[in-house]
Amino acid sequence: MSHLRPTLVLLLLFTALTGLAYPFAVTGIGQLVFPTQADGSLVVQDGRVVGSELIGQAFTSDRYLWPRPSATSAADPTDPTKTVDAPYNAAASAGSNLGPTSAKLADRLTASSEAWRKAGLPLPIPGDAVTTSGSGLDVSPAFALAQAPRIAAARNLPEEQIRQMIETATEGRTFGIFGEPRVNVLRVNRALDGLGPQRGRDVS
């Protein structure tokens, strides 16, 4: 009995500190200091949320820059214990974690490579054009620039104009040393929409 009381007191104390006080403090500081990031870095256009600065979307029209393939999944509606493919599912942004011996990975690489060739895009195929990432949002400059002729043709614009838009949206390594140069797909596609009246976006 002499050990029960201090044990219960410590349990309640640390539950209050780590389960209530700390989460509320972190949430409050986040909302005060980084409100946009804390709310998901949402992109608002004409009063409507059109995406997030951190999550890719399924742009499929020739008029837009295509993102990296997506490997996100969702709960199987017929069996909640299983999952089904749900590309660009913002609620489950993650990589596939498939290993080099995975037949599913091999099939997906083959399908993505065939789609690249059918679209008439130049060879060699950039690695990120056929492999997935956690968010699918950023692509390499090589992947983005390879799509410039297709976008220019679909929009009846000079290819050089599209290339300049992509180069303007290219970000370097973080602090000059971390990561690789990258192009934010959503940023480029929003800039493309800003060129003038456009037909409806082909996204799912």
N, C-alpha and C. Protein backbone atom coordinates (compact mmCIF):
# COMPACT_ATOMS: atom_id res chain seq x y z
N MET A 1 0.83 -1.21 0.00
CA MET A 1 0.00 0.00 0.00
C MET A 1 0.86 1.25 0.00
N SER A 2 2.04 1.18 0.66
CA SER A 2 2.91 2.35 0.74
C SER A 2 3.47 2.72 -0.65
N HIS A 3 3.52 1.73 -1.57
CA HIS A 3 4.03 2.01 -2.91
C HIS A 3 2.91 2.38 -3.89
N LEU A 4 1.68 2.04 -3.54
CA LEU A 4 0.57 2.25 -4.48
C LEU A 4 0.27 3.73 -4.66
N ARG A 5 0.25 4.47 -3.55
CA ARG A 5 -0.11 5.89 -3.65
C ARG A 5 0.89 6.68 -4.50
N PRO A 6 2.22 6.61 -4.24
CA PRO A 6 3.15 7.37 -5.09
C PRO A 6 3.13 6.91 -6.55
N THR A 7 2.84 5.61 -6.76
CA THR A 7 2.77 5.10 -8.13
C THR A 7 1.61 5.73 -8.88
N LEU A 8 0.45 5.79 -8.20
CA LEU A 8 -0.73 6.39 -8.83
C LEU A 8 -0.53 7.89 -9.07
N VAL A 9 0.10 8.56 -8.10
CA VAL A 9 0.35 10.00 -8.24
C VAL A 9 1.26 10.27 -9.43
N LEU A 10 2.33 9.48 -9.56
CA LEU A 10 3.24 9.65 -10.69
C LEU A 10 2.55 9.34 -12.02
N LEU A 11 1.70 8.31 -12.00
CA LEU A 11 0.98 7.95 -13.22
C LEU A 11 0.08 9.11 -13.67
N LEU A 12 -0.67 9.67 -12.74
CA LEU A 12 -1.55 10.78 -13.08
C LEU A 12 -0.77 12.02 -13.49
N LEU A 13 0.35 12.27 -12.78
CA LEU A 13 1.17 13.44 -13.08
C LEU A 13 1.73 13.38 -14.50
N PHE A 14 2.35 12.24 -14.84
CA PHE A 14 2.97 12.13 -16.16
C PHE A 14 1.93 11.99 -17.27
N THR A 15 0.76 11.45 -16.94
CA THR A 15 -0.33 11.42 -17.91
C THR A 15 -0.77 12.83 -18.24
N ALA A 16 -0.87 13.66 -17.20
CA ALA A 16 -1.27 15.06 -17.42
C ALA A 16 -0.20 15.83 -18.18
N LEU A 17 1.07 15.58 -17.84
CA LEU A 17 2.16 16.31 -18.49
C LEU A 17 2.35 15.88 -19.94
N THR A 18 2.51 14.59 -20.16
CA THR A 18 2.84 14.10 -21.50
C THR A 18 1.61 13.84 -22.38
N GLY A 19 0.46 13.62 -21.73
CA GLY A 19 -0.73 13.33 -22.53
C GLY A 19 -1.62 14.53 -22.77
N LEU A 20 -1.48 15.56 -21.94
CA LEU A 20 -2.33 16.74 -22.08
C LEU A 20 -1.52 18.03 -22.24
N ALA A 21 -0.71 18.35 -21.24
CA ALA A 21 0.00 19.62 -21.25
C ALA A 21 0.95 19.75 -22.45
N TYR A 22 1.78 18.72 -22.67
CA TYR A 22 2.76 18.80 -23.76
C TYR A 22 2.10 18.89 -25.13
N PRO A 23 1.13 18.00 -25.49
CA PRO A 23 0.48 18.13 -26.80
C PRO A 23 -0.21 19.47 -27.00
N PHE A 24 -0.90 19.97 -25.95
CA PHE A 24 -1.57 21.26 -26.08
C PHE A 24 -0.56 22.39 -26.27
N ALA A 25 0.57 22.30 -25.55
CA ALA A 25 1.60 23.35 -25.66
C ALA A 25 2.20 23.36 -27.06
N VAL A 26 2.54 22.18 -27.58
CA VAL A 26 3.13 22.09 -28.91
C VAL A 26 2.14 22.57 -29.98
N THR A 27 0.88 22.15 -29.84
CA THR A 27 -0.15 22.59 -30.79
C THR A 27 -0.34 24.10 -30.74
N GLY A 28 -0.38 24.65 -29.53
CA GLY A 28 -0.56 26.08 -29.37
C GLY A 28 0.60 26.88 -29.94
N ILE A 29 1.83 26.44 -29.67
CA ILE A 29 3.00 27.13 -30.20
C ILE A 29 3.02 27.05 -31.73
N GLY A 30 2.66 25.86 -32.25
CA GLY A 30 2.61 25.70 -33.69
C GLY A 30 1.62 26.64 -34.34
N GLN A 31 0.44 26.77 -33.74
CA GLN A 31 -0.58 27.66 -34.29
C GLN A 31 -0.17 29.13 -34.20
N LEU A 32 0.59 29.48 -33.18
CA LEU A 32 1.01 30.87 -33.01
C LEU A 32 2.19 31.23 -33.90
N VAL A 33 3.17 30.34 -33.99
CA VAL A 33 4.41 30.65 -34.69
C VAL A 33 4.37 30.21 -36.15
N PHE A 34 3.80 29.02 -36.42
CA PHE A 34 3.76 28.49 -37.78
C PHE A 34 2.34 28.05 -38.13
N PRO A 35 1.38 28.97 -38.17
CA PRO A 35 -0.01 28.57 -38.36
C PRO A 35 -0.27 27.87 -39.70
N THR A 36 0.35 28.34 -40.77
CA THR A 36 0.13 27.73 -42.08
C THR A 36 0.66 26.30 -42.11
N GLN A 37 1.89 26.12 -41.62
CA GLN A 37 2.48 24.78 -41.61
C GLN A 37 1.73 23.85 -40.67
N ALA A 38 1.29 24.37 -39.51
CA ALA A 38 0.58 23.54 -38.55
C ALA A 38 -0.75 23.05 -39.09
N ASP A 39 -1.35 23.82 -40.00
CA ASP A 39 -2.64 23.44 -40.58
C ASP A 39 -2.50 22.61 -41.86
N GLY A 40 -1.25 22.21 -42.19
CA GLY A 40 -1.06 21.33 -43.33
C GLY A 40 -0.51 22.01 -44.57
N SER A 41 -0.04 23.23 -44.46
CA SER A 41 0.51 23.96 -45.61
C SER A 41 -0.45 23.96 -46.78
N LEU A 42 -1.71 24.26 -46.50
CA LEU A 42 -2.74 24.21 -47.54
C LEU A 42 -2.60 25.34 -48.54
N VAL A 43 -2.92 25.04 -49.80
CA VAL A 43 -2.88 26.02 -50.87
C VAL A 43 -4.32 26.43 -51.18
N VAL A 44 -4.64 27.71 -51.01
CA VAL A 44 -5.99 28.22 -51.21
C VAL A 44 -6.02 29.10 -52.45
N GLN A 45 -6.97 28.85 -53.31
CA GLN A 45 -7.13 29.63 -54.53
C GLN A 45 -8.60 29.96 -54.72
N ASP A 46 -8.90 31.25 -54.85
CA ASP A 46 -10.27 31.71 -55.00
C ASP A 46 -11.16 31.21 -53.85
N GLY A 47 -10.59 31.21 -52.64
CA GLY A 47 -11.34 30.80 -51.46
C GLY A 47 -11.56 29.31 -51.33
N ARG A 48 -10.88 28.52 -52.16
CA ARG A 48 -11.06 27.06 -52.15
C ARG A 48 -9.71 26.38 -52.00
N VAL A 49 -9.63 25.36 -51.15
CA VAL A 49 -8.39 24.61 -50.98
C VAL A 49 -8.17 23.74 -52.21
N VAL A 50 -7.03 23.93 -52.87
CA VAL A 50 -6.74 23.19 -54.10
C VAL A 50 -5.61 22.17 -53.90
N GLY A 51 -5.05 22.12 -52.70
CA GLY A 51 -3.99 21.15 -52.44
C GLY A 51 -3.15 21.56 -51.26
N SER A 52 -2.02 20.91 -51.12
CA SER A 52 -1.06 21.21 -50.07
C SER A 52 0.31 21.40 -50.69
N GLU A 53 1.11 22.24 -50.08
CA GLU A 53 2.48 22.45 -50.55
C GLU A 53 3.34 21.21 -50.34
N LEU A 54 2.83 20.22 -49.60
CA LEU A 54 3.63 19.06 -49.22
C LEU A 54 3.16 17.75 -49.83
N ILE A 55 2.00 17.73 -50.48
CA ILE A 55 1.41 16.49 -50.98
C ILE A 55 1.14 16.58 -52.47
N GLY A 56 1.53 15.56 -53.22
CA GLY A 56 1.33 15.54 -54.66
C GLY A 56 -0.11 15.26 -55.06
N GLN A 57 -0.44 15.58 -56.30
CA GLN A 57 -1.77 15.33 -56.85
C GLN A 57 -1.64 14.58 -58.17
N ALA A 58 -2.74 13.99 -58.61
CA ALA A 58 -2.72 13.16 -59.81
C ALA A 58 -2.97 13.98 -61.07
N PHE A 59 -2.02 14.84 -61.44
CA PHE A 59 -2.13 15.56 -62.70
C PHE A 59 -1.84 14.59 -63.84
N THR A 60 -2.79 14.43 -64.75
CA THR A 60 -2.62 13.47 -65.85
C THR A 60 -2.75 14.11 -67.23
N SER A 61 -3.23 15.33 -67.32
CA SER A 61 -3.39 16.00 -68.61
C SER A 61 -2.03 16.37 -69.20
N ASP A 62 -1.94 16.34 -70.52
CA ASP A 62 -0.71 16.76 -71.20
C ASP A 62 -0.42 18.23 -70.96
N ARG A 63 -1.40 18.99 -70.50
CA ARG A 63 -1.24 20.42 -70.28
C ARG A 63 -0.53 20.74 -68.96
N TYR A 64 -0.25 19.70 -68.17
CA TYR A 64 0.34 19.92 -66.85
C TYR A 64 1.60 19.09 -66.65
N LEU A 65 2.39 19.54 -65.70
CA LEU A 65 3.57 18.78 -65.27
C LEU A 65 3.10 17.57 -64.48
N TRP A 66 3.59 16.40 -64.84
CA TRP A 66 3.19 15.18 -64.14
C TRP A 66 4.05 14.98 -62.90
N PRO A 67 3.47 14.46 -61.83
CA PRO A 67 4.23 14.20 -60.61
C PRO A 67 4.89 12.83 -60.65
N ARG A 68 5.60 12.50 -59.60
CA ARG A 68 6.15 11.15 -59.47
C ARG A 68 5.01 10.15 -59.27
N PRO A 69 5.24 8.88 -59.62
CA PRO A 69 4.22 7.87 -59.33
C PRO A 69 3.93 7.82 -57.83
N SER A 70 2.74 7.39 -57.49
CA SER A 70 2.33 7.34 -56.08
C SER A 70 2.08 5.90 -55.66
N ALA A 71 2.49 5.58 -54.44
CA ALA A 71 2.29 4.23 -53.92
C ALA A 71 1.41 4.22 -52.67
N THR A 72 0.65 5.29 -52.45
CA THR A 72 -0.18 5.33 -51.25
C THR A 72 -1.35 4.36 -51.34
N SER A 73 -1.86 4.00 -50.19
CA SER A 73 -2.95 3.04 -50.13
C SER A 73 -4.04 3.54 -49.19
N ALA A 74 -5.13 2.79 -49.13
CA ALA A 74 -6.25 3.11 -48.24
C ALA A 74 -6.87 1.79 -47.78
N ALA A 75 -7.72 1.87 -46.78
CA ALA A 75 -8.37 0.66 -46.28
C ALA A 75 -9.28 0.06 -47.34
N ASP A 76 -9.26 -1.24 -47.46
CA ASP A 76 -10.13 -1.95 -48.39
C ASP A 76 -11.57 -1.80 -47.92
N PRO A 77 -12.46 -1.21 -48.73
CA PRO A 77 -13.84 -1.02 -48.28
C PRO A 77 -14.58 -2.33 -47.98
N THR A 78 -14.09 -3.43 -48.55
CA THR A 78 -14.75 -4.72 -48.31
C THR A 78 -14.12 -5.49 -47.16
N ASP A 79 -12.88 -5.08 -46.78
CA ASP A 79 -12.19 -5.76 -45.69
C ASP A 79 -11.24 -4.77 -45.03
N PRO A 80 -11.65 -4.13 -43.92
CA PRO A 80 -10.85 -3.10 -43.26
C PRO A 80 -9.48 -3.57 -42.79
N THR A 81 -9.27 -4.89 -42.71
CA THR A 81 -7.97 -5.41 -42.27
C THR A 81 -6.95 -5.40 -43.41
N LYS A 82 -7.39 -5.08 -44.62
CA LYS A 82 -6.50 -5.07 -45.77
C LYS A 82 -6.46 -3.68 -46.39
N THR A 83 -5.54 -3.48 -47.28
CA THR A 83 -5.43 -2.19 -47.97
C THR A 83 -5.50 -2.38 -49.48
N VAL A 84 -5.87 -1.32 -50.16
CA VAL A 84 -5.90 -1.31 -51.62
C VAL A 84 -5.13 -0.10 -52.11
N ASP A 85 -4.66 -0.15 -53.35
CA ASP A 85 -3.94 0.99 -53.91
C ASP A 85 -4.87 2.20 -54.00
N ALA A 86 -4.37 3.34 -53.56
CA ALA A 86 -5.12 4.60 -53.63
C ALA A 86 -4.12 5.71 -53.93
N PRO A 87 -3.70 5.83 -55.20
CA PRO A 87 -2.67 6.82 -55.55
C PRO A 87 -3.01 8.24 -55.10
N TYR A 88 -2.00 8.94 -54.61
CA TYR A 88 -2.09 10.33 -54.18
C TYR A 88 -3.13 10.52 -53.08
N ASN A 89 -3.20 9.54 -52.18
CA ASN A 89 -4.08 9.63 -51.02
C ASN A 89 -3.39 10.49 -49.97
N ALA A 90 -3.86 11.73 -49.82
CA ALA A 90 -3.20 12.68 -48.91
C ALA A 90 -3.29 12.26 -47.46
N ALA A 91 -4.21 11.37 -47.12
CA ALA A 91 -4.36 10.92 -45.74
C ALA A 91 -3.39 9.81 -45.39
N ALA A 92 -2.65 9.32 -46.38
CA ALA A 92 -1.74 8.21 -46.11
C ALA A 92 -0.44 8.38 -46.90
N SER A 93 0.12 9.58 -46.85
CA SER A 93 1.33 9.86 -47.61
C SER A 93 2.50 9.05 -47.06
N ALA A 94 3.04 8.16 -47.89
CA ALA A 94 4.15 7.31 -47.47
C ALA A 94 4.72 6.60 -48.67
N GLY A 95 5.93 6.07 -48.53
CA GLY A 95 6.53 5.27 -49.58
C GLY A 95 5.99 3.86 -49.54
N SER A 96 6.35 3.06 -50.54
CA SER A 96 5.81 1.70 -50.63
C SER A 96 6.60 0.72 -49.79
N ASN A 97 7.90 1.01 -49.55
CA ASN A 97 8.80 0.11 -48.81
C ASN A 97 8.93 -1.25 -49.49
N LEU A 98 8.74 -1.30 -50.81
CA LEU A 98 8.91 -2.55 -51.55
C LEU A 98 10.39 -2.76 -51.82
N GLY A 99 10.87 -4.01 -51.63
CA GLY A 99 12.27 -4.34 -51.82
C GLY A 99 12.61 -4.68 -53.26
N PRO A 100 13.89 -4.83 -53.58
CA PRO A 100 14.32 -5.11 -54.96
C PRO A 100 13.84 -6.44 -55.52
N THR A 101 13.40 -7.35 -54.66
CA THR A 101 12.90 -8.64 -55.14
C THR A 101 11.38 -8.66 -55.27
N SER A 102 10.73 -7.53 -55.05
CA SER A 102 9.27 -7.47 -55.08
C SER A 102 8.75 -7.53 -56.52
N ALA A 103 7.85 -8.49 -56.78
CA ALA A 103 7.23 -8.59 -58.11
C ALA A 103 6.33 -7.39 -58.37
N LYS A 104 5.66 -6.89 -57.33
CA LYS A 104 4.78 -5.73 -57.48
C LYS A 104 5.59 -4.51 -57.90
N LEU A 105 6.78 -4.35 -57.30
CA LEU A 105 7.64 -3.23 -57.66
C LEU A 105 8.10 -3.35 -59.11
N ALA A 106 8.49 -4.55 -59.51
CA ALA A 106 8.94 -4.77 -60.89
C ALA A 106 7.83 -4.46 -61.89
N ASP A 107 6.61 -4.88 -61.58
CA ASP A 107 5.47 -4.61 -62.46
C ASP A 107 5.21 -3.12 -62.58
N ARG A 108 5.30 -2.41 -61.44
CA ARG A 108 5.04 -0.98 -61.46
C ARG A 108 6.12 -0.23 -62.25
N LEU A 109 7.37 -0.64 -62.10
CA LEU A 109 8.45 -0.01 -62.85
C LEU A 109 8.26 -0.21 -64.35
N THR A 110 7.85 -1.42 -64.72
CA THR A 110 7.63 -1.72 -66.13
C THR A 110 6.48 -0.88 -66.69
N ALA A 111 5.38 -0.79 -65.93
CA ALA A 111 4.22 -0.01 -66.38
C ALA A 111 4.57 1.46 -66.51
N SER A 112 5.31 2.00 -65.55
CA SER A 112 5.69 3.42 -65.60
C SER A 112 6.63 3.69 -66.77
N SER A 113 7.53 2.76 -67.05
CA SER A 113 8.46 2.92 -68.17
C SER A 113 7.71 2.90 -69.50
N GLU A 114 6.73 1.99 -69.60
CA GLU A 114 5.93 1.91 -70.83
C GLU A 114 5.11 3.19 -71.03
N ALA A 115 4.56 3.71 -69.95
CA ALA A 115 3.78 4.95 -70.04
C ALA A 115 4.67 6.10 -70.51
N TRP A 116 5.91 6.12 -70.05
CA TRP A 116 6.86 7.17 -70.46
C TRP A 116 7.12 7.08 -71.96
N ARG A 117 7.36 5.86 -72.44
CA ARG A 117 7.65 5.68 -73.87
C ARG A 117 6.44 6.01 -74.73
N LYS A 118 5.24 5.60 -74.29
CA LYS A 118 4.03 5.86 -75.06
C LYS A 118 3.75 7.35 -75.16
N ALA A 119 4.16 8.10 -74.15
CA ALA A 119 3.95 9.55 -74.16
C ALA A 119 4.96 10.25 -75.07
N GLY A 120 5.92 9.50 -75.62
CA GLY A 120 6.91 10.08 -76.52
C GLY A 120 7.95 10.92 -75.82
N LEU A 121 8.15 10.69 -74.52
CA LEU A 121 9.12 11.47 -73.78
C LEU A 121 10.52 10.94 -74.04
N PRO A 122 11.54 11.79 -73.92
CA PRO A 122 12.90 11.41 -74.32
C PRO A 122 13.55 10.40 -73.37
N LEU A 123 14.48 9.65 -73.92
CA LEU A 123 15.29 8.71 -73.14
C LEU A 123 16.64 9.36 -72.85
N PRO A 124 17.34 8.95 -71.79
CA PRO A 124 16.95 7.93 -70.81
C PRO A 124 15.88 8.41 -69.85
N ILE A 125 15.19 7.48 -69.24
CA ILE A 125 14.11 7.82 -68.33
C ILE A 125 14.69 8.20 -66.97
N PRO A 126 14.38 9.38 -66.44
CA PRO A 126 14.86 9.75 -65.10
C PRO A 126 14.34 8.76 -64.06
N GLY A 127 15.16 8.45 -63.07
CA GLY A 127 14.77 7.47 -62.07
C GLY A 127 13.49 7.81 -61.34
N ASP A 128 13.29 9.11 -61.03
CA ASP A 128 12.10 9.48 -60.27
C ASP A 128 10.84 9.48 -61.12
N ALA A 129 10.96 9.25 -62.42
CA ALA A 129 9.77 9.15 -63.27
C ALA A 129 9.09 7.80 -63.13
N VAL A 130 9.81 6.82 -62.59
CA VAL A 130 9.25 5.48 -62.46
C VAL A 130 9.26 4.96 -61.03
N THR A 131 9.84 5.72 -60.10
CA THR A 131 9.87 5.31 -58.69
C THR A 131 9.04 6.27 -57.86
N THR A 132 8.57 5.80 -56.73
CA THR A 132 7.69 6.61 -55.88
C THR A 132 8.46 7.29 -54.76
N SER A 133 7.82 8.28 -54.15
CA SER A 133 8.37 8.96 -52.98
C SER A 133 7.28 9.03 -51.93
N GLY A 134 7.63 9.60 -50.78
CA GLY A 134 6.64 9.70 -49.72
C GLY A 134 5.45 10.55 -50.08
N SER A 135 5.69 11.69 -50.75
CA SER A 135 4.59 12.60 -51.05
C SER A 135 4.27 12.68 -52.54
N GLY A 136 5.24 12.36 -53.39
CA GLY A 136 5.02 12.46 -54.83
C GLY A 136 4.96 13.88 -55.35
N LEU A 137 5.32 14.85 -54.52
CA LEU A 137 5.14 16.26 -54.90
C LEU A 137 6.28 16.79 -55.74
N ASP A 138 7.52 16.56 -55.31
CA ASP A 138 8.67 17.13 -56.00
C ASP A 138 9.25 16.14 -57.00
N VAL A 139 9.72 16.66 -58.11
CA VAL A 139 10.40 15.84 -59.11
C VAL A 139 11.76 16.45 -59.41
N SER A 140 12.62 15.68 -60.03
CA SER A 140 13.95 16.19 -60.38
C SER A 140 13.84 17.15 -61.55
N PRO A 141 14.79 18.09 -61.69
CA PRO A 141 14.77 18.98 -62.85
C PRO A 141 14.79 18.21 -64.17
N ALA A 142 15.50 17.08 -64.21
CA ALA A 142 15.56 16.29 -65.45
C ALA A 142 14.18 15.77 -65.82
N PHE A 143 13.44 15.27 -64.83
CA PHE A 143 12.09 14.75 -65.06
C PHE A 143 11.17 15.88 -65.51
N ALA A 144 11.26 17.03 -64.87
CA ALA A 144 10.39 18.15 -65.21
C ALA A 144 10.69 18.70 -66.60
N LEU A 145 11.97 18.93 -66.90
CA LEU A 145 12.34 19.52 -68.19
C LEU A 145 12.04 18.58 -69.36
N ALA A 146 12.08 17.27 -69.11
CA ALA A 146 11.75 16.31 -70.17
C ALA A 146 10.29 16.43 -70.60
N GLN A 147 9.46 16.99 -69.72
CA GLN A 147 8.04 17.14 -70.02
C GLN A 147 7.71 18.45 -70.72
N ALA A 148 8.68 19.36 -70.79
CA ALA A 148 8.44 20.69 -71.36
C ALA A 148 7.90 20.64 -72.79
N PRO A 149 8.46 19.82 -73.69
CA PRO A 149 7.90 19.80 -75.05
C PRO A 149 6.45 19.35 -75.09
N ARG A 150 6.09 18.38 -74.27
CA ARG A 150 4.70 17.90 -74.25
C ARG A 150 3.75 18.99 -73.77
N ILE A 151 4.12 19.69 -72.70
CA ILE A 151 3.27 20.76 -72.16
C ILE A 151 3.15 21.90 -73.16
N ALA A 152 4.28 22.26 -73.78
CA ALA A 152 4.28 23.36 -74.74
C ALA A 152 3.37 23.04 -75.93
N ALA A 153 3.45 21.80 -76.40
CA ALA A 153 2.62 21.41 -77.55
C ALA A 153 1.14 21.42 -77.17
N ALA A 154 0.82 20.94 -75.97
CA ALA A 154 -0.58 20.87 -75.54
C ALA A 154 -1.17 22.26 -75.33
N ARG A 155 -0.33 23.23 -74.98
CA ARG A 155 -0.81 24.58 -74.71
C ARG A 155 -0.52 25.55 -75.86
N ASN A 156 0.13 25.05 -76.89
CA ASN A 156 0.48 25.90 -78.03
C ASN A 156 1.31 27.10 -77.58
N LEU A 157 2.34 26.79 -76.77
CA LEU A 157 3.22 27.83 -76.24
C LEU A 157 4.66 27.49 -76.62
N PRO A 158 5.55 28.47 -76.62
CA PRO A 158 6.96 28.18 -76.90
C PRO A 158 7.54 27.26 -75.82
N GLU A 159 8.30 26.28 -76.26
CA GLU A 159 8.91 25.35 -75.30
C GLU A 159 9.82 26.09 -74.34
N GLU A 160 10.53 27.10 -74.81
CA GLU A 160 11.44 27.84 -73.96
C GLU A 160 10.70 28.51 -72.80
N GLN A 161 9.48 28.96 -73.03
CA GLN A 161 8.69 29.58 -71.96
C GLN A 161 8.39 28.57 -70.86
N ILE A 162 8.05 27.35 -71.25
CA ILE A 162 7.77 26.30 -70.26
C ILE A 162 9.03 25.94 -69.51
N ARG A 163 10.14 25.84 -70.21
CA ARG A 163 11.41 25.49 -69.57
C ARG A 163 11.80 26.57 -68.55
N GLN A 164 11.58 27.83 -68.89
CA GLN A 164 11.90 28.91 -67.96
C GLN A 164 11.04 28.84 -66.71
N MET A 165 9.75 28.48 -66.87
CA MET A 165 8.87 28.35 -65.71
C MET A 165 9.35 27.24 -64.79
N ILE A 166 9.79 26.15 -65.38
CA ILE A 166 10.29 25.02 -64.59
C ILE A 166 11.58 25.40 -63.88
N GLU A 167 12.48 26.07 -64.60
CA GLU A 167 13.75 26.47 -63.99
C GLU A 167 13.53 27.48 -62.86
N THR A 168 12.54 28.35 -63.02
CA THR A 168 12.23 29.32 -61.96
C THR A 168 11.73 28.62 -60.71
N ALA A 169 10.99 27.51 -60.89
CA ALA A 169 10.43 26.77 -59.76
C ALA A 169 11.40 25.76 -59.17
N THR A 170 12.58 25.63 -59.75
CA THR A 170 13.56 24.66 -59.26
C THR A 170 14.21 25.16 -57.97
N GLU A 171 14.21 24.31 -56.96
CA GLU A 171 14.84 24.63 -55.67
C GLU A 171 16.14 23.84 -55.54
N GLY A 172 17.15 24.48 -54.98
CA GLY A 172 18.44 23.80 -54.78
C GLY A 172 18.45 22.94 -53.54
N ARG A 173 19.58 22.37 -53.23
CA ARG A 173 19.73 21.56 -52.03
C ARG A 173 19.48 22.42 -50.79
N THR A 174 18.83 21.85 -49.79
CA THR A 174 18.58 22.57 -48.55
C THR A 174 19.89 22.92 -47.87
N PHE A 175 20.09 24.19 -47.56
CA PHE A 175 21.33 24.71 -46.98
C PHE A 175 22.53 24.39 -47.86
N GLY A 176 22.27 24.09 -49.13
CA GLY A 176 23.35 23.84 -50.08
C GLY A 176 23.96 22.45 -50.01
N ILE A 177 23.52 21.61 -49.05
CA ILE A 177 24.16 20.30 -48.89
C ILE A 177 23.17 19.15 -48.75
N PHE A 178 21.94 19.42 -48.30
CA PHE A 178 21.00 18.33 -48.03
C PHE A 178 20.05 18.11 -49.20
N GLY A 179 19.81 16.84 -49.56
CA GLY A 179 18.87 16.52 -50.60
C GLY A 179 19.42 16.79 -51.99
N GLU A 180 18.50 16.87 -52.96
CA GLU A 180 18.85 17.10 -54.35
C GLU A 180 18.02 18.26 -54.90
N PRO A 181 18.47 18.90 -55.97
CA PRO A 181 17.64 19.93 -56.61
C PRO A 181 16.28 19.34 -56.99
N ARG A 182 15.21 20.13 -56.86
CA ARG A 182 13.86 19.58 -57.04
C ARG A 182 12.94 20.66 -57.60
N VAL A 183 11.87 20.18 -58.22
CA VAL A 183 10.86 21.06 -58.80
C VAL A 183 9.52 20.74 -58.15
N ASN A 184 8.86 21.77 -57.61
CA ASN A 184 7.56 21.59 -56.98
C ASN A 184 6.49 21.55 -58.07
N VAL A 185 5.87 20.37 -58.26
CA VAL A 185 4.92 20.16 -59.35
C VAL A 185 3.71 21.08 -59.23
N LEU A 186 3.14 21.17 -58.04
CA LEU A 186 1.94 21.99 -57.86
C LEU A 186 2.22 23.46 -58.15
N ARG A 187 3.39 23.93 -57.75
CA ARG A 187 3.74 25.33 -57.99
C ARG A 187 3.82 25.62 -59.49
N VAL A 188 4.43 24.72 -60.24
CA VAL A 188 4.54 24.91 -61.69
C VAL A 188 3.16 24.88 -62.33
N ASN A 189 2.33 23.93 -61.92
CA ASN A 189 1.01 23.80 -62.53
C ASN A 189 0.10 24.98 -62.20
N ARG A 190 0.24 25.54 -61.03
CA ARG A 190 -0.52 26.75 -60.70
C ARG A 190 -0.04 27.92 -61.56
N ALA A 191 1.27 27.97 -61.81
CA ALA A 191 1.81 29.02 -62.67
C ALA A 191 1.30 28.84 -64.10
N LEU A 192 1.19 27.60 -64.55
CA LEU A 192 0.66 27.34 -65.88
C LEU A 192 -0.79 27.80 -65.98
N ASP A 193 -1.57 27.57 -64.94
CA ASP A 193 -2.95 28.03 -64.93
C ASP A 193 -3.03 29.56 -64.96
N GLY A 194 -1.99 30.20 -64.44
CA GLY A 194 -2.00 31.65 -64.39
C GLY A 194 -1.64 32.31 -65.71
N LEU A 195 -1.31 31.51 -66.73
CA LEU A 195 -0.94 32.08 -68.02
C LEU A 195 -2.13 32.67 -68.76
N GLY A 196 -3.34 32.26 -68.37
CA GLY A 196 -4.52 32.75 -69.06
C GLY A 196 -5.64 31.75 -68.94
N PRO A 197 -6.78 31.99 -69.63
CA PRO A 197 -7.89 31.05 -69.55
C PRO A 197 -7.46 29.65 -69.93
N GLN A 198 -7.80 28.69 -69.08
CA GLN A 198 -7.41 27.30 -69.30
C GLN A 198 -8.63 26.41 -69.30
N ARG A 199 -8.49 25.29 -69.96
CA ARG A 199 -9.54 24.28 -69.88
C ARG A 199 -9.46 23.59 -68.52
N GLY A 200 -10.49 22.82 -68.16
CA GLY A 200 -10.56 22.18 -66.86
C GLY A 200 -9.35 21.30 -66.57
N ARG A 201 -8.93 21.26 -65.34
CA ARG A 201 -7.79 20.45 -64.94
C ARG A 201 -8.18 18.99 -64.99
N ASP A 202 -7.25 18.17 -65.45
CA ASP A 202 -7.47 16.74 -65.52
C ASP A 202 -6.79 16.09 -64.33
N VAL A 203 -7.42 16.19 -63.17
CA VAL A 203 -6.87 15.58 -61.96
C VAL A 203 -7.94 14.72 -61.36
N SER A 204 -7.50 13.75 -60.57
CA SER A 204 -8.45 12.87 -59.89
C SER A 204 -8.35 13.08 -58.40
